[in-house]
């Protein structure tokens, strides 16, 4: 099984780089969310009512940060999974073997290889 590290896997490499960037961004966001959540814990432990805590919390709320992180990881992770499957298949790895590596069904791998949504074709992270 020969691999071409300069040609056929460039979309996979771009998707992996985008995933790394997303992980960095999400790590920072989660750190901030954790600090803010700890302050909320401290406020609640002093007996402050939940309504006062939530209405005084500046945006984005902790829950909003978490939702953003989850969406970012889902997008970047899906693009990476799709391009990684394509790169492996381009190296003549069977659909069954890729499915085994990914821990999914062969039908899921077939769908990944078939589908390429426009928004995942060139992953970008803000």
C-alpha atoms as a PDB file:
ATOM      1  CA  UNK A   1       0.000   0.000   0.000  1.00  0.00           C
ATOM      2  CA  UNK A   2       1.814   3.095  -1.206  1.00  0.00           C
ATOM      3  CA  UNK A   3       0.854   6.466   0.154  1.00  0.00           C
ATOM      4  CA  UNK A   4       1.168   9.779  -1.608  1.00  0.00           C
ATOM      5  CA  UNK A   5       1.699  12.346   1.137  1.00  0.00           C
ATOM      6  CA  UNK A   6       1.826  15.278  -1.266  1.00  0.00           C
ATOM      7  CA  UNK A   7      -1.209  14.823  -3.480  1.00  0.00           C
ATOM      8  CA  UNK A   8      -4.184  12.702  -2.544  1.00  0.00           C
ATOM      9  CA  UNK A   9      -4.317  13.452   1.144  1.00  0.00           C
ATOM     10  CA  UNK A  10      -4.207  17.254   1.029  1.00  0.00           C
ATOM     11  CA  UNK A  11      -7.934  17.611   1.828  1.00  0.00           C
ATOM     12  CA  UNK A  12      -7.387  15.282   4.793  1.00  0.00           C
ATOM     13  CA  UNK A  13      -4.390  17.313   5.930  1.00  0.00           C
ATOM     14  CA  UNK A  14      -6.368  20.550   5.610  1.00  0.00           C
ATOM     15  CA  UNK A  15      -9.230  19.006   7.599  1.00  0.00           C
ATOM     16  CA  UNK A  16      -6.802  17.819  10.272  1.00  0.00           C
ATOM     17  CA  UNK A  17      -5.240  21.276  10.517  1.00  0.00           C
ATOM     18  CA  UNK A  18      -8.719  22.773  10.836  1.00  0.00           C
ATOM     19  CA  UNK A  19      -9.496  20.247  13.574  1.00  0.00           C
ATOM     20  CA  UNK A  20      -6.333  21.229  15.465  1.00  0.00           C
ATOM     21  CA  UNK A  21      -7.327  24.895  15.206  1.00  0.00           C
ATOM     22  CA  UNK A  22     -10.854  24.071  16.390  1.00  0.00           C
ATOM     23  CA  UNK A  23      -9.469  22.099  19.330  1.00  0.00           C
ATOM     24  CA  UNK A  24      -7.269  25.047  20.306  1.00  0.00           C
ATOM     25  CA  UNK A  25     -10.195  27.459  20.087  1.00  0.00           C
ATOM     26  CA  UNK A  26     -12.460  25.113  22.019  1.00  0.00           C
ATOM     27  CA  UNK A  27      -9.841  24.558  24.688  1.00  0.00           C
ATOM     28  CA  UNK A  28      -9.624  28.318  25.241  1.00  0.00           C
ATOM     29  CA  UNK A  29     -13.421  28.662  25.258  1.00  0.00           C
ATOM     30  CA  UNK A  30     -13.813  25.816  27.742  1.00  0.00           C
ATOM     31  CA  UNK A  31     -11.169  27.339  29.998  1.00  0.00           C
ATOM     32  CA  UNK A  32     -13.108  30.603  30.048  1.00  0.00           C
ATOM     33  CA  UNK A  33     -16.382  28.759  30.585  1.00  0.00           C
ATOM     34  CA  UNK A  34     -14.875  26.846  33.482  1.00  0.00           C
ATOM     35  CA  UNK A  35     -13.683  30.031  35.177  1.00  0.00           C
ATOM     36  CA  UNK A  36     -17.088  31.617  34.724  1.00  0.00           C
ATOM     37  CA  UNK A  37     -18.866  28.486  35.984  1.00  0.00           C
ATOM     38  CA  UNK A  38     -16.671  28.471  39.087  1.00  0.00           C
ATOM     39  CA  UNK A  39     -17.702  32.073  39.791  1.00  0.00           C
ATOM     40  CA  UNK A  40     -21.347  31.011  39.430  1.00  0.00           C
ATOM     41  CA  UNK A  41     -20.770  28.193  41.926  1.00  0.00           C
ATOM     42  CA  UNK A  42     -19.300  30.687  44.369  1.00  0.00           C
ATOM     43  CA  UNK A  43     -22.274  33.019  43.922  1.00  0.00           C
ATOM     44  CA  UNK A  44     -24.740  30.204  44.499  1.00  0.00           C
ATOM     45  CA  UNK A  45     -22.854  29.006  47.575  1.00  0.00           C
ATOM     46  CA  UNK A  46     -23.345  32.465  49.114  1.00  0.00           C
ATOM     47  CA  UNK A  47     -27.105  31.926  48.797  1.00  0.00           C
ATOM     48  CA  UNK A  48     -27.736  34.099  45.765  1.00  0.00           C
ATOM     49  CA  UNK A  49     -30.921  33.023  43.877  1.00  0.00           C
ATOM     50  CA  UNK A  50     -30.500  31.328  40.474  1.00  0.00           C
ATOM     51  CA  UNK A  51     -32.546  33.976  38.702  1.00  0.00           C
ATOM     52  CA  UNK A  52     -30.250  36.706  39.972  1.00  0.00           C
ATOM     53  CA  UNK A  53     -27.163  34.717  39.006  1.00  0.00           C
ATOM     54  CA  UNK A  54     -28.336  33.961  35.479  1.00  0.00           C
ATOM     55  CA  UNK A  55     -29.726  37.419  34.732  1.00  0.00           C
ATOM     56  CA  UNK A  56     -26.519  39.084  35.944  1.00  0.00           C
ATOM     57  CA  UNK A  57     -24.245  36.764  33.963  1.00  0.00           C
ATOM     58  CA  UNK A  58     -22.753  38.544  30.939  1.00  0.00           C
ATOM     59  CA  UNK A  59     -23.134  36.977  27.505  1.00  0.00           C
ATOM     60  CA  UNK A  60     -22.194  34.578  26.231  1.00  0.00           C
ATOM     61  CA  UNK A  61     -23.618  32.487  29.062  1.00  0.00           C
ATOM     62  CA  UNK A  62     -21.722  29.376  30.153  1.00  0.00           C
ATOM     63  CA  UNK A  63     -24.355  27.221  28.468  1.00  0.00           C
ATOM     64  CA  UNK A  64     -23.981  29.225  25.237  1.00  0.00           C
ATOM     65  CA  UNK A  65     -20.200  28.749  25.264  1.00  0.00           C
ATOM     66  CA  UNK A  66     -20.628  25.016  25.710  1.00  0.00           C
ATOM     67  CA  UNK A  67     -23.129  24.835  22.835  1.00  0.00           C
ATOM     68  CA  UNK A  68     -20.729  26.753  20.597  1.00  0.00           C
ATOM     69  CA  UNK A  69     -17.850  24.433  21.504  1.00  0.00           C
ATOM     70  CA  UNK A  70     -19.935  21.346  20.781  1.00  0.00           C
ATOM     71  CA  UNK A  71     -21.042  22.703  17.399  1.00  0.00           C
ATOM     72  CA  UNK A  72     -17.475  23.675  16.479  1.00  0.00           C
ATOM     73  CA  UNK A  73     -16.136  20.233  17.377  1.00  0.00           C
ATOM     74  CA  UNK A  74     -18.966  18.475  15.545  1.00  0.00           C
ATOM     75  CA  UNK A  75     -18.280  20.443  12.361  1.00  0.00           C
ATOM     76  CA  UNK A  76     -14.505  20.073  12.419  1.00  0.00           C
ATOM     77  CA  UNK A  77     -14.696  16.450  13.551  1.00  0.00           C
ATOM     78  CA  UNK A  78     -17.113  15.512  10.779  1.00  0.00           C
ATOM     79  CA  UNK A  79     -14.954  17.137   8.122  1.00  0.00           C
ATOM     80  CA  UNK A  80     -11.859  15.358   9.466  1.00  0.00           C
ATOM     81  CA  UNK A  81     -13.623  11.978   9.641  1.00  0.00           C
ATOM     82  CA  UNK A  82     -14.883  12.359   6.062  1.00  0.00           C
ATOM     83  CA  UNK A  83     -11.504  13.398   4.636  1.00  0.00           C
ATOM     84  CA  UNK A  84      -9.624  10.793   6.645  1.00  0.00           C
ATOM     85  CA  UNK A  85     -11.937   8.097   5.252  1.00  0.00           C
ATOM     86  CA  UNK A  86     -11.369   9.449   1.739  1.00  0.00           C
ATOM     87  CA  UNK A  87      -7.585   9.481   2.239  1.00  0.00           C
ATOM     88  CA  UNK A  88      -7.588   5.912   3.552  1.00  0.00           C
ATOM     89  CA  UNK A  89      -9.795   4.765   0.707  1.00  0.00           C
ATOM     90  CA  UNK A  90      -7.437   6.560  -1.692  1.00  0.00           C
ATOM     91  CA  UNK A  91      -4.660   4.373  -0.272  1.00  0.00           C
ATOM     92  CA  UNK A  92      -6.727   1.309  -1.243  1.00  0.00           C
ATOM     93  CA  UNK A  93      -7.897   0.577   2.292  1.00  0.00           C
ATOM     94  CA  UNK A  94     -11.177  -1.327   2.073  1.00  0.00           C
ATOM     95  CA  UNK A  95     -14.438   0.142   3.278  1.00  0.00           C
ATOM     96  CA  UNK A  96     -14.717  -2.733   5.754  1.00  0.00           C
ATOM     97  CA  UNK A  97     -11.257  -1.981   7.172  1.00  0.00           C
ATOM     98  CA  UNK A  98     -11.996   1.753   7.464  1.00  0.00           C
ATOM     99  CA  UNK A  99     -15.288   0.935   9.198  1.00  0.00           C
ATOM    100  CA  UNK A 100     -13.401  -1.262  11.634  1.00  0.00           C
ATOM    101  CA  UNK A 101     -10.806   1.445  12.296  1.00  0.00           C
ATOM    102  CA  UNK A 102     -13.505   4.074  12.895  1.00  0.00           C
ATOM    103  CA  UNK A 103     -15.777   1.755  14.902  1.00  0.00           C
ATOM    104  CA  UNK A 104     -18.756   2.308  12.609  1.00  0.00           C
ATOM    105  CA  UNK A 105     -20.649   0.303  10.008  1.00  0.00           C
ATOM    106  CA  UNK A 106     -19.473  -0.104   6.442  1.00  0.00           C
ATOM    107  CA  UNK A 107     -22.656   1.684   5.388  1.00  0.00           C
ATOM    108  CA  UNK A 108     -21.552   4.746   7.362  1.00  0.00           C
ATOM    109  CA  UNK A 109     -18.176   4.730   5.621  1.00  0.00           C
ATOM    110  CA  UNK A 110     -19.878   4.373   2.244  1.00  0.00           C
ATOM    111  CA  UNK A 111     -21.997   7.425   3.097  1.00  0.00           C
ATOM    112  CA  UNK A 112     -18.900   9.383   4.159  1.00  0.00           C
ATOM    113  CA  UNK A 113     -17.169   8.550   0.893  1.00  0.00           C
ATOM    114  CA  UNK A 114     -20.242   9.423  -1.153  1.00  0.00           C
ATOM    115  CA  UNK A 115     -21.195  12.659   0.580  1.00  0.00           C
ATOM    116  CA  UNK A 116     -19.192  15.836   0.573  1.00  0.00           C
ATOM    117  CA  UNK A 117     -21.270  18.786   1.722  1.00  0.00           C
ATOM    118  CA  UNK A 118     -20.073  22.124   0.377  1.00  0.00           C
ATOM    119  CA  UNK A 119     -19.575  23.509   3.876  1.00  0.00           C
ATOM    120  CA  UNK A 120     -17.268  20.605   4.821  1.00  0.00           C
ATOM    121  CA  UNK A 121     -15.307  20.538   1.556  1.00  0.00           C
ATOM    122  CA  UNK A 122     -12.928  23.270   2.713  1.00  0.00           C
ATOM    123  CA  UNK A 123     -12.995  23.398   6.517  1.00  0.00           C
ATOM    124  CA  UNK A 124     -12.521  26.847   7.996  1.00  0.00           C
ATOM    125  CA  UNK A 125     -12.328  27.922  11.595  1.00  0.00           C
ATOM    126  CA  UNK A 126     -12.920  31.510  12.662  1.00  0.00           C
END
